[in-house]
Structure formats: structure tokens, C-alpha cells
Amino acid sequence: MTTKELPAYWQPDAECLDREELAQLQLERLEATLSRVYRNVPFYRKYFDDVNFDTDAVRSTDDLRRLPFTAKRDLAASYPYGLFAVPLREVVRLHASGGSAGHALVMGYTRNDLKTWANLMARVLVAGGVTKDDVVQITFDYGLFTGAFGVHQGAERLGASVIPASSGNSKRQLKIMRDYRTTVLVATPSYALHLIDAMAEAGVVANQLSLRRALLGGENWTEEQRQRIEQELHVTATDNYALSEVMGPGIAGECLERNGLHVFEDHFLVEVVDPLTMERVRPGDRGELVLTTLTKEAFPLVRYRTGELTSLIPEPCPCGRTSVRMRPVRARSDDMLTVKGVNVYPSQVEEVLEGIQGPEPRFQLVVDRPQTLDEATVLVEVSEDVFFDEMKKQSEFRERIVRRLASELGVGFEVKLVTRKTLDDAVAQGGRVVDRRRK
């Protein structure tokens, strides 16, 4: 392994299960899930009846293709408990995330669900190099969202010491980190970067801390950001995939190879579909992630459209885990544009700019079709130092962005540099994307 560390597993029998045995286990659990939701969830009973789907006739996981998808709007329309598959008296935990039409998405967990969640999160922690001897500082907000509680119970299940620091107050976080000898930081990537800046202001250096691992998630981040976090904090940083509606954290996570996130396929059936045709893509191609829960009792979901774009890595991982890996999510299907015949996502543009400018770049993407061909322009806010620099340096900076956009996105963009705050009104009125072809 590149890290020269021997792989460790929380549940080796499950994490290293033979692929044929895994397929049989998935089928058995899928049959049980489909029967349970048909009996107990009116929404799914109607869905299945509408397409004449017989749950007793399932012979393969491929039979899922005959079923409709579940979307976020379906969850919002079922607020608060319409999709629960057990009576409320069996639900011991409720969480919620943002929804639409003024309704949150409410998720329930039985006692068994919480035990499963704790074990899956322990898998993520162990895969990232965390042990029972670690001190884990969680900087996620302890509220209705799933992040903090998911990691917390996983770390406790592992036997590690947990500091429920919650979010905010960087000076306090650093003091706790130093005084309590925190060895594992749990945070969003952007907050980890913020802590680095706070350390510089407070005169704290990494050598004064005991950190060795960082478990980061909750938002998209780049390899450049990973490198900075690792260098500045003296940690190994691993990614994990979380989605509140499906469970929270504990769906997939990186091992120390850090080449894709292992999906826990014994608990989640994964599909990747073309967001336009809704047909499955070829192995390795990028598309929208669709998840079916295989063991959730209170809040099972069938063919849930996550709205997030990824691709799968079917090849075996050197760590020994046999589950398929997914690439980090860098874009969503619901913000896609087609420019000159190429699918483009504003989040892809943001990722390119982050690699050049740093976190949270300010930009606006403008697409027009004055005659018959698309014209795409990216307005990029830059500091006054760049904007008023000599023409040659300014031109070189702009051309660097043009080349990266063309290389990463496969389509040419015009790039215009503007000074800070130029886009405030424009973005407020038109958003980050202005598609004039629709007018």
C-alpha cells in the first residue's frame, strides 16, 4: 500500500465478502425490503401496482430496473411519516434535512437501524486508519442533521474517545484539540481549512497538536485542498460519502489507498444512471447515483435518486475490501447545462477555479446563442492585484483558466476577469448560471 500500513477492517467477513456471496446476500435482502415496503408503505404499494410489479417474482437484483425511481419530492410530499415502514412506536430516533415546499425530509431509525449505522460508521473510521486508542473531535453541528450523531455513535462503537465539540468557535476548538490531545479531526473540508487559518492567527503550529487523521465530508473538495490539509495539519485525510435521506454518513468511505470510496454493498444496492435517459450507464461511466437500502427498517428507500454524479470503480482495491468503489461526487445532475453538445455542471467550473484560486471562487457562467452556435463565458472575480497587474501576467492567468476549463470540461469557454464584488448584483439577480438561450 502507498501508506505502508497494513489494512484493518471493522467487519472483515462483510467487507471482504466474495463477490458471488455478496450478490446472493444482496438478492435476499432486496427481496425482504421490497416485500416490507409493499406491505407497509402505501406510496410504494401504489408505485409497484402501477407497473404490475410482483415482489414475490424477484429473481435478480436487475429486476429493480422495472421499478420507478424515488425522488426527493416524494419524500417531501410524504412529510413527516408517510414513508415509514414501521409504527412510530418502533422509531427511537428522528433526523431531518432540507426539503422543498417548506417541508423538511424526516428520517426515522429503529434500534436495529442505529446498531447498523454505528457499525457502518465504524467501518468508515477503521478504513481511514482510526483505532480504539484515538481521541475523535467532532466539529459537525449536533442538531437534526445526521452527520455528528452518525460519526459519534460509530466512534463509540469502535471504542474511541469522543469529543462532541459541535460546530463553530475556532479558538475553543483549537484549545480543546491541544489540551485534550485530539488525534482525529472530523470536519467539513472548508472548516478544516478555516482551522488552519485560525491556527496561523493564534500562533499554533501542527507540531503542538497530536493530530494524525482527518475524516472529512459533507461537501465537495479537491485534491489540492486535501494536500494542503494534510501538509498543514500533519494528518492523513480521508473522504466519506453521506446522504441524510439514505442514512447519513456510513454509506461509503475511503480506505488508506484513497482511490475511491468503498460502498457498503451489503447494505446499499448501488446503480449509476444517465440523468437524461435514466438508463444504467456502462461500468466506469459517470452518471447519477441511485441507492436502494437493503437493511433499513424504519425508513427504507427503493431506487432513490440522489441527484449526485459519480462513477464506479469495479476493479479490486489493494486494501482487500471487495466492495465496489465510487469516485468522489463533484457535481449534481440538477444543475446540468448542455454547451456545444457537452454536458457541463457549474460545480465542475467551481472545482477548476478552486484549484487555481482557492476555496469559494466567485464566478458567473453565461451561455448565449447569438446565431446558431453556443457561446459560453465565465466571469471570474479576482483580487485587485491580479486585475491591475501588468497585461502579460493578467493574460497568462486568464489563459491558465481557459486551458484548465477546456481540459477538464471538454468544451471551450471565454474567460473574463472582473474585480471583487463586481458580480454581487449580477449573481443576486441571475444566479451563478445565466442561460440566455432560453429567452
Protein backbone atom coordinates (compact mmCIF):
# COMPACT_ATOMS: atom_id res chain seq x y z
CA MET A 1 0.00 0.00 0.00
CA THR A 2 1.13 3.56 -0.63
CA THR A 3 0.76 4.41 3.04
CA LYS A 4 2.85 1.37 4.09
CA GLU A 5 0.17 0.48 6.61
CA LEU A 6 -1.46 -2.91 6.83
CA PRO A 7 -5.19 -2.81 6.07
CA ALA A 8 -7.56 -3.05 9.01
CA TYR A 9 -11.25 -3.92 8.95
CA TRP A 10 -14.12 -3.48 11.37
CA GLN A 11 -16.23 -6.31 9.95
CA PRO A 12 -13.81 -8.32 7.79
CA ASP A 13 -16.30 -11.07 6.93
CA ALA A 14 -18.63 -8.47 5.39
CA GLU A 15 -16.06 -6.06 3.99
CA CYS A 16 -14.06 -8.79 2.24
CA LEU A 17 -17.02 -10.96 1.21
CA ASP A 18 -16.65 -12.93 -2.02
CA ARG A 19 -18.49 -11.13 -4.84
CA GLU A 20 -20.73 -14.10 -5.61
CA GLU A 21 -21.71 -14.45 -1.96
CA LEU A 22 -22.30 -10.69 -1.82
CA ALA A 23 -24.62 -10.87 -4.84
CA GLN A 24 -26.66 -13.63 -3.17
CA LEU A 25 -26.85 -11.66 0.09
CA GLN A 26 -27.99 -8.55 -1.80
CA LEU A 27 -30.74 -10.51 -3.54
CA GLU A 28 -32.04 -11.98 -0.27
CA ARG A 29 -32.05 -8.59 1.43
CA LEU A 30 -33.61 -6.90 -1.59
CA GLU A 31 -36.46 -9.42 -1.65
CA ALA A 32 -37.13 -8.77 2.04
CA THR A 33 -37.00 -4.99 1.58
CA LEU A 34 -39.37 -4.95 -1.40
CA SER A 35 -41.87 -7.18 0.42
CA ARG A 36 -41.69 -5.00 3.53
CA VAL A 37 -42.25 -1.69 1.73
CA TYR A 38 -45.09 -3.17 -0.35
CA ARG A 39 -46.87 -4.31 2.80
CA ASN A 40 -46.22 -1.27 4.96
CA VAL A 41 -45.73 1.82 2.78
CA PRO A 42 -48.78 2.91 0.70
CA PHE A 43 -46.55 5.05 -1.53
CA TYR A 44 -44.54 2.03 -2.68
CA ARG A 45 -47.58 -0.22 -2.88
CA LYS A 46 -49.10 2.17 -5.42
CA TYR A 47 -45.79 2.51 -7.28
CA PHE A 48 -45.44 -1.25 -7.59
CA ASP A 49 -49.07 -1.80 -8.56
CA ASP A 50 -48.87 0.90 -11.24
CA VAL A 51 -46.18 -1.10 -13.08
CA ASN A 52 -47.61 -4.55 -12.16
CA PHE A 53 -44.51 -5.40 -10.14
CA ASP A 54 -44.80 -8.66 -8.18
CA THR A 55 -42.44 -8.66 -5.20
CA ASP A 56 -42.68 -12.45 -4.98
CA ALA A 57 -41.35 -12.79 -8.53
CA VAL A 58 -37.98 -11.10 -7.93
CA ARG A 59 -35.21 -13.37 -9.19
CA SER A 60 -32.34 -10.92 -9.64
CA THR A 61 -31.24 -7.50 -8.48
CA ASP A 62 -31.61 -6.49 -12.12
CA ASP A 63 -35.37 -6.74 -11.62
CA LEU A 64 -35.10 -3.32 -9.98
CA ARG A 65 -34.96 -1.81 -13.47
CA ARG A 66 -38.69 -2.40 -13.77
CA LEU A 67 -39.44 -0.11 -10.83
CA PRO A 68 -39.86 3.68 -10.87
CA PHE A 69 -37.40 5.92 -9.07
CA THR A 70 -37.98 7.61 -5.75
CA ALA A 71 -37.17 11.34 -5.77
CA LYS A 72 -36.67 13.99 -3.11
CA ARG A 73 -40.07 15.49 -3.95
CA ASP A 74 -41.66 12.16 -2.99
CA LEU A 75 -40.07 12.39 0.44
CA ALA A 76 -41.23 15.98 0.87
CA ALA A 77 -44.77 15.06 -0.22
CA SER A 78 -44.84 12.29 2.40
CA TYR A 79 -43.92 14.65 5.28
CA PRO A 80 -43.49 13.75 8.03
CA TYR A 81 -44.01 9.99 8.41
CA GLY A 82 -45.65 8.87 5.16
CA LEU A 83 -42.71 6.69 4.05
CA PHE A 84 -42.07 4.99 7.38
CA ALA A 85 -42.31 1.21 7.17
CA VAL A 86 -42.78 0.65 10.91
CA PRO A 87 -45.15 2.12 13.50
CA LEU A 88 -43.87 5.30 15.14
CA ARG A 89 -43.60 3.49 18.48
CA GLU A 90 -40.73 1.45 16.99
CA VAL A 91 -38.83 4.57 15.89
CA VAL A 92 -36.27 5.59 18.51
CA ARG A 93 -34.52 8.43 16.63
CA LEU A 94 -35.66 11.13 14.21
CA HIS A 95 -33.44 13.23 11.98
CA ALA A 96 -34.27 15.74 9.27
CA SER A 97 -32.67 17.51 6.33
CA GLY A 98 -33.69 20.25 3.94
CA GLY A 99 -36.64 19.61 1.65
CA SER A 100 -38.93 21.65 -0.55
CA ALA A 101 -42.26 23.47 -0.27
CA GLY A 102 -41.43 24.39 3.31
CA HIS A 103 -41.18 20.78 4.49
CA ALA A 104 -38.08 19.07 5.85
CA LEU A 105 -37.29 15.49 4.93
CA VAL A 106 -37.83 13.42 8.07
CA MET A 107 -35.91 10.20 8.60
CA GLY A 108 -36.60 7.58 11.26
CA TYR A 109 -34.40 4.89 12.83
CA THR A 110 -35.28 1.78 14.80
CA ARG A 111 -32.92 0.32 17.40
CA ASN A 112 -31.60 -2.09 14.77
CA ASP A 113 -31.12 0.80 12.34
CA LEU A 114 -28.95 2.60 14.90
CA LYS A 115 -26.88 -0.53 15.51
CA THR A 116 -26.36 -0.95 11.78
CA TRP A 117 -25.49 2.73 11.41
CA ALA A 118 -22.91 2.54 14.21
CA ASN A 119 -21.22 -0.47 12.64
CA LEU A 120 -21.14 1.07 9.16
CA MET A 121 -19.65 4.27 10.51
CA ALA A 122 -17.09 2.23 12.43
CA ARG A 123 -16.16 0.65 9.09
CA VAL A 124 -15.52 4.13 7.67
CA LEU A 125 -13.39 5.15 10.64
CA VAL A 126 -11.30 1.98 10.62
CA ALA A 127 -10.83 2.18 6.86
CA GLY A 128 -9.44 5.69 7.39
CA GLY A 129 -6.94 4.46 9.96
CA VAL A 130 -8.82 5.28 13.18
CA THR A 131 -8.45 2.89 16.14
CA LYS A 132 -9.95 2.47 19.59
CA ASP A 133 -6.94 4.31 21.01
CA ASP A 134 -7.81 7.55 19.19
CA VAL A 135 -9.41 10.72 20.54
CA VAL A 136 -12.01 11.87 17.99
CA GLN A 137 -13.07 15.54 17.92
CA ILE A 138 -16.35 16.04 16.04
CA THR A 139 -16.91 19.59 14.75
CA PHE A 140 -20.20 18.91 12.96
CA ASP A 141 -23.31 20.58 14.34
CA TYR A 142 -25.25 18.41 16.80
CA GLY A 143 -28.78 19.04 15.59
CA LEU A 144 -31.37 17.42 13.36
CA PHE A 145 -28.83 16.72 10.63
CA THR A 146 -27.29 13.27 10.65
CA GLY A 147 -23.55 14.00 10.41
CA ALA A 148 -22.45 14.50 14.01
CA PHE A 149 -24.56 11.72 15.52
CA GLY A 150 -23.58 9.22 12.83
CA VAL A 151 -19.87 9.71 13.37
CA HIS A 152 -20.32 9.90 17.14
CA GLN A 153 -22.02 6.54 17.50
CA GLY A 154 -19.57 4.93 15.07
CA ALA A 155 -16.58 6.18 17.05
CA GLU A 156 -18.14 4.99 20.31
CA ARG A 157 -18.89 1.60 18.74
CA LEU A 158 -15.23 1.39 17.77
CA GLY A 159 -14.23 2.21 21.32
CA ALA A 160 -12.51 5.51 20.62
CA SER A 161 -12.77 8.52 22.93
CA VAL A 162 -15.27 11.04 21.52
CA ILE A 163 -15.24 14.81 22.00
CA PRO A 164 -18.65 16.17 20.86
CA ALA A 165 -17.25 19.66 20.28
CA SER A 166 -20.02 20.58 17.82
CA SER A 167 -19.53 23.41 15.33
CA GLY A 168 -18.05 26.90 15.46
CA ASN A 169 -15.79 28.84 17.86
CA SER A 170 -12.43 28.06 16.30
CA LYS A 171 -10.40 29.31 19.29
CA ARG A 172 -12.26 26.90 21.55
CA GLN A 173 -11.84 24.08 19.02
CA LEU A 174 -8.08 24.64 18.92
CA LYS A 175 -7.81 24.78 22.70
CA ILE A 176 -9.71 21.51 23.03
CA MET A 177 -7.62 19.99 20.27
CA ARG A 178 -4.40 20.90 22.05
CA ASP A 179 -5.44 20.30 25.67
CA TYR A 180 -7.36 17.06 25.11
CA ARG A 181 -4.70 15.73 22.70
CA THR A 182 -7.13 15.13 19.86
CA THR A 183 -5.80 12.64 17.32
CA VAL A 184 -8.69 12.58 14.81
CA LEU A 185 -10.42 15.66 13.43
CA VAL A 186 -13.92 15.20 12.00
CA ALA A 187 -14.97 18.23 9.95
CA THR A 188 -16.02 19.59 6.61
CA PRO A 189 -13.04 20.29 4.35
CA SER A 190 -13.78 24.01 4.40
CA TYR A 191 -13.80 24.05 8.21
CA ALA A 192 -10.51 22.17 8.31
CA LEU A 193 -9.06 24.88 6.06
CA HIS A 194 -10.59 27.54 8.32
CA LEU A 195 -8.93 25.93 11.33
CA ILE A 196 -5.59 26.12 9.52
CA ASP A 197 -6.05 29.86 9.10
CA ALA A 198 -7.17 30.17 12.75
CA MET A 199 -4.04 28.32 13.84
CA ALA A 200 -1.87 30.81 11.98
CA GLU A 201 -3.66 33.73 13.65
CA ALA A 202 -3.34 32.12 17.10
CA GLY A 203 0.28 31.16 16.62
CA VAL A 204 -0.50 27.44 16.92
CA VAL A 205 1.64 25.07 14.86
CA ALA A 206 0.81 21.48 13.94
CA ASN A 207 3.71 20.15 16.00
CA GLN A 208 1.92 21.36 19.13
CA LEU A 209 -1.04 19.11 18.33
CA SER A 210 -1.47 15.34 18.45
CA LEU A 211 -3.48 15.07 15.21
CA ARG A 212 -2.80 12.17 12.88
CA ARG A 213 -6.05 11.63 10.98
CA ALA A 214 -8.77 13.81 9.46
CA LEU A 215 -12.15 12.39 8.45
CA LEU A 216 -13.66 14.96 6.12
CA GLY A 217 -17.05 15.11 4.40
CA GLY A 218 -20.28 16.99 3.99
CA GLU A 219 -19.19 18.94 0.91
CA ASN A 220 -17.15 18.66 -2.25
CA TRP A 221 -13.41 19.19 -2.02
CA THR A 222 -10.41 18.94 -4.30
CA GLU A 223 -7.15 17.03 -4.19
CA GLU A 224 -5.36 20.36 -3.83
CA GLN A 225 -7.37 21.05 -0.69
CA ARG A 226 -6.59 17.56 0.62
CA GLN A 227 -2.87 18.16 0.11
CA ARG A 228 -2.96 21.47 1.95
CA ILE A 229 -4.90 20.00 4.88
CA GLU A 230 -2.52 17.08 5.15
CA GLN A 231 0.59 19.26 4.95
CA GLU A 232 -0.61 21.96 7.34
CA LEU A 233 -2.19 19.67 9.96
CA HIS A 234 0.23 16.73 9.63
CA VAL A 235 -2.63 14.27 9.05
CA THR A 236 -3.83 11.66 6.62
CA ALA A 237 -7.16 12.92 5.29
CA THR A 238 -9.87 10.56 4.03
CA ASP A 239 -13.20 11.26 2.37
CA ASN A 240 -16.59 9.73 3.12
CA TYR A 241 -19.97 9.87 1.44
CA ALA A 242 -23.06 10.81 3.41
CA LEU A 243 -26.67 11.33 2.44
CA SER A 244 -29.17 12.05 5.20
CA GLU A 245 -32.17 10.60 3.39
CA VAL A 246 -30.48 7.23 2.90
CA MET A 247 -28.77 7.01 6.30
CA GLY A 248 -26.29 9.81 6.85
CA PRO A 249 -22.55 9.12 6.96
CA GLY A 250 -21.72 5.43 6.69
CA ILE A 251 -22.76 4.73 3.10
CA ALA A 252 -19.25 4.76 1.66
CA GLY A 253 -15.77 5.79 2.71
CA GLU A 254 -12.17 5.87 1.57
CA CYS A 255 -9.59 3.41 2.79
CA LEU A 256 -5.98 4.47 3.20
CA GLU A 257 -5.36 3.82 -0.52
CA ARG A 258 -7.51 6.94 -1.09
CA ASN A 259 -8.55 5.92 -4.57
CA GLY A 260 -12.33 5.87 -4.48
CA LEU A 261 -14.87 5.36 -1.69
CA HIS A 262 -15.89 1.80 -0.79
CA VAL A 263 -19.68 1.46 -1.00
CA PHE A 264 -21.06 -0.89 1.66
CA GLU A 265 -22.93 -3.02 -0.82
CA ASP A 266 -24.21 -5.48 1.75
CA HIS A 267 -26.45 -2.63 2.98
CA PHE A 268 -26.91 -0.45 -0.13
CA LEU A 269 -27.61 -1.51 -3.68
CA VAL A 270 -25.96 0.98 -6.00
CA GLU A 271 -26.85 1.97 -9.56
CA VAL A 272 -25.44 4.70 -11.79
CA VAL A 273 -27.84 6.01 -14.45
CA ASP A 274 -27.79 8.58 -17.21
CA PRO A 275 -29.73 11.54 -15.73
CA LEU A 276 -31.34 12.23 -19.13
CA THR A 277 -32.35 8.74 -20.28
CA MET A 278 -32.47 7.21 -16.75
CA GLU A 279 -30.87 4.07 -18.16
CA ARG A 280 -27.89 2.48 -16.44
CA VAL A 281 -24.54 3.63 -17.78
CA ARG A 282 -21.65 1.38 -18.72
CA PRO A 283 -19.31 0.34 -15.87
CA GLY A 284 -16.92 3.20 -15.15
CA ASP A 285 -19.00 5.88 -16.91
CA ARG A 286 -20.26 8.84 -14.96
CA GLY A 287 -23.93 9.26 -14.13
CA GLU A 288 -26.37 9.90 -11.31
CA LEU A 289 -26.03 7.77 -8.21
CA VAL A 290 -29.17 5.78 -7.31
CA LEU A 291 -29.35 3.91 -3.99
CA THR A 292 -31.65 1.23 -2.61
CA THR A 293 -31.43 0.44 1.10
CA LEU A 294 -31.21 -3.27 1.90
CA THR A 295 -31.39 -3.34 5.69
CA LYS A 296 -33.15 -0.14 6.81
CA GLU A 297 -36.23 -0.92 8.89
CA ALA A 298 -37.89 2.40 9.68
CA PHE A 299 -37.18 4.35 6.50
CA PRO A 300 -36.30 2.09 3.57
CA LEU A 301 -35.86 3.66 0.14
CA VAL A 302 -36.10 1.98 -3.26
CA ARG A 303 -34.17 3.40 -6.24
CA TYR A 304 -33.63 6.76 -4.59
CA ARG A 305 -32.25 9.40 -6.96
CA THR A 306 -29.50 11.15 -5.04
CA GLY A 307 -29.08 13.86 -7.69
CA GLU A 308 -25.30 13.42 -7.36
CA LEU A 309 -22.93 12.45 -10.13
CA THR A 310 -20.21 9.85 -9.81
CA SER A 311 -18.78 6.77 -11.48
CA LEU A 312 -17.96 3.34 -10.10
CA ILE A 313 -14.59 1.63 -9.91
CA PRO A 314 -15.24 -2.12 -10.20
CA GLU A 315 -11.58 -3.17 -10.09
CA PRO A 316 -10.34 -4.75 -6.83
CA CYS A 317 -8.74 -2.43 -4.27
CA PRO A 318 -5.30 -3.31 -2.86
CA CYS A 319 -6.75 -2.89 0.65
CA GLY A 320 -8.59 -6.22 0.28
CA ARG A 321 -12.14 -4.90 0.52
CA THR A 322 -14.26 -6.43 -2.22
CA SER A 323 -16.97 -3.78 -2.47
CA VAL A 324 -17.24 -1.55 -5.49
CA ARG A 325 -15.79 1.93 -5.10
CA MET A 326 -17.35 5.22 -6.16
CA ARG A 327 -15.44 8.31 -7.20
CA PRO A 328 -15.94 11.46 -5.12
CA VAL A 329 -19.06 13.42 -6.00
CA ARG A 330 -18.07 16.62 -7.79
CA ALA A 331 -21.34 17.68 -9.41
CA ARG A 332 -25.12 17.28 -9.31
CA SER A 333 -27.47 16.24 -12.07
CA ASP A 334 -29.95 19.01 -11.34
CA ASP A 335 -27.62 21.86 -12.36
CA MET A 336 -26.56 20.44 -15.72
CA LEU A 337 -26.22 22.52 -18.87
CA THR A 338 -25.53 21.30 -22.38
CA VAL A 339 -23.00 23.59 -24.07
CA LYS A 340 -21.90 22.82 -27.64
CA GLY A 341 -23.22 19.30 -27.19
CA VAL A 342 -21.26 18.70 -23.99
CA ASN A 343 -22.86 18.30 -20.56
CA VAL A 344 -21.45 20.94 -18.20
CA TYR A 345 -22.07 21.41 -14.49
CA PRO A 346 -21.38 24.72 -12.72
CA SER A 347 -19.85 22.72 -9.88
CA GLN A 348 -17.22 21.49 -12.36
CA VAL A 349 -16.36 25.08 -13.20
CA GLU A 350 -16.14 25.83 -9.49
CA GLU A 351 -13.80 22.88 -8.96
CA VAL A 352 -11.43 24.12 -11.68
CA LEU A 353 -11.40 27.63 -10.24
CA GLU A 354 -10.83 26.29 -6.73
CA GLY A 355 -7.74 24.50 -7.99
CA ILE A 356 -6.39 27.81 -9.31
CA GLN A 357 -7.75 30.45 -6.94
CA GLY A 358 -8.51 28.56 -3.72
CA PRO A 359 -11.77 27.93 -1.83
CA GLU A 360 -15.08 29.60 -2.70
CA PRO A 361 -14.27 31.29 -6.01
CA ARG A 362 -16.76 33.90 -7.21
CA PHE A 363 -17.91 33.39 -10.79
CA GLN A 364 -20.87 33.53 -13.13
CA LEU A 365 -21.39 31.28 -16.13
CA VAL A 366 -23.16 32.93 -19.06
CA VAL A 367 -24.35 30.87 -22.04
CA ASP A 368 -25.74 32.52 -25.16
CA ARG A 369 -26.60 31.60 -28.74
CA PRO A 370 -26.50 34.80 -30.77
CA GLN A 371 -26.94 32.89 -34.01
CA THR A 372 -26.64 29.12 -34.35
CA LEU A 373 -23.71 28.24 -32.09
CA ASP A 374 -23.42 28.31 -28.31
CA GLU A 375 -21.12 30.85 -26.74
CA ALA A 376 -20.08 30.27 -23.13
CA THR A 377 -18.36 32.86 -20.96
CA VAL A 378 -17.14 32.57 -17.39
CA LEU A 379 -16.88 35.84 -15.47
CA VAL A 380 -14.30 35.35 -12.72
CA GLU A 381 -13.76 37.70 -9.80
CA VAL A 382 -10.10 38.26 -8.95
CA SER A 383 -8.22 40.39 -6.48
CA GLU A 384 -7.19 43.90 -7.44
CA ASP A 385 -3.57 42.72 -7.50
CA VAL A 386 -4.38 40.34 -10.34
CA PHE A 387 -6.78 42.68 -12.13
CA PHE A 388 -4.41 45.62 -12.17
CA ASP A 389 -1.27 43.56 -12.75
CA GLU A 390 0.70 44.06 -15.93
CA MET A 391 -1.16 42.93 -19.04
CA LYS A 392 1.14 39.97 -19.68
CA LYS A 393 0.64 38.42 -16.24
CA GLN A 394 -3.11 39.04 -16.35
CA SER A 395 -3.29 37.39 -19.76
CA GLU A 396 -1.28 34.39 -18.54
CA PHE A 397 -3.61 33.96 -15.55
CA ARG A 398 -6.69 34.12 -17.78
CA GLU A 399 -5.22 31.66 -20.28
CA ARG A 400 -4.44 29.25 -17.47
CA ILE A 401 -8.12 29.21 -16.54
CA VAL A 402 -9.14 28.80 -20.19
CA ARG A 403 -6.84 25.81 -20.63
CA ARG A 404 -7.96 24.12 -17.43
CA LEU A 405 -11.63 24.56 -18.27
CA ALA A 406 -11.14 23.16 -21.76
CA SER A 407 -9.11 20.24 -20.43
CA GLU A 408 -11.41 19.32 -17.55
CA LEU A 409 -14.80 20.01 -19.14
CA GLY A 410 -14.11 19.23 -22.79
CA VAL A 411 -15.56 22.50 -24.10
CA GLY A 412 -14.06 25.91 -24.78
CA PHE A 413 -15.01 28.90 -22.60
CA GLU A 414 -14.29 32.58 -22.94
CA VAL A 415 -12.96 33.87 -19.62
CA LYS A 416 -13.33 37.47 -18.45
CA LEU A 417 -11.67 38.72 -15.28
CA VAL A 418 -13.56 41.22 -13.13
CA THR A 419 -12.73 42.95 -9.85
CA ARG A 420 -14.06 41.92 -6.45
CA LYS A 421 -17.77 42.49 -5.75
CA THR A 422 -18.46 43.13 -9.44
CA LEU A 423 -20.71 40.07 -9.55
CA ASP A 424 -22.67 40.77 -6.37
CA ASP A 425 -25.70 42.25 -8.11
CA ALA A 426 -25.43 40.01 -11.17
CA VAL A 427 -25.37 36.80 -9.14
CA ALA A 428 -28.12 38.06 -6.84
CA GLN A 429 -30.38 38.73 -9.82
CA GLY A 430 -29.46 35.89 -12.18
CA GLY A 431 -27.67 33.30 -10.06
CA ARG A 432 -24.38 31.66 -10.89
CA VAL A 433 -25.73 30.48 -14.24
CA VAL A 434 -27.36 32.68 -16.88
CA ASP A 435 -28.67 30.73 -19.86
CA ARG A 436 -29.84 33.30 -22.41
CA ARG A 437 -30.69 30.61 -24.95
CA ARG A 438 -33.96 30.02 -23.08
CA LYS A 439 -35.28 33.52 -23.75
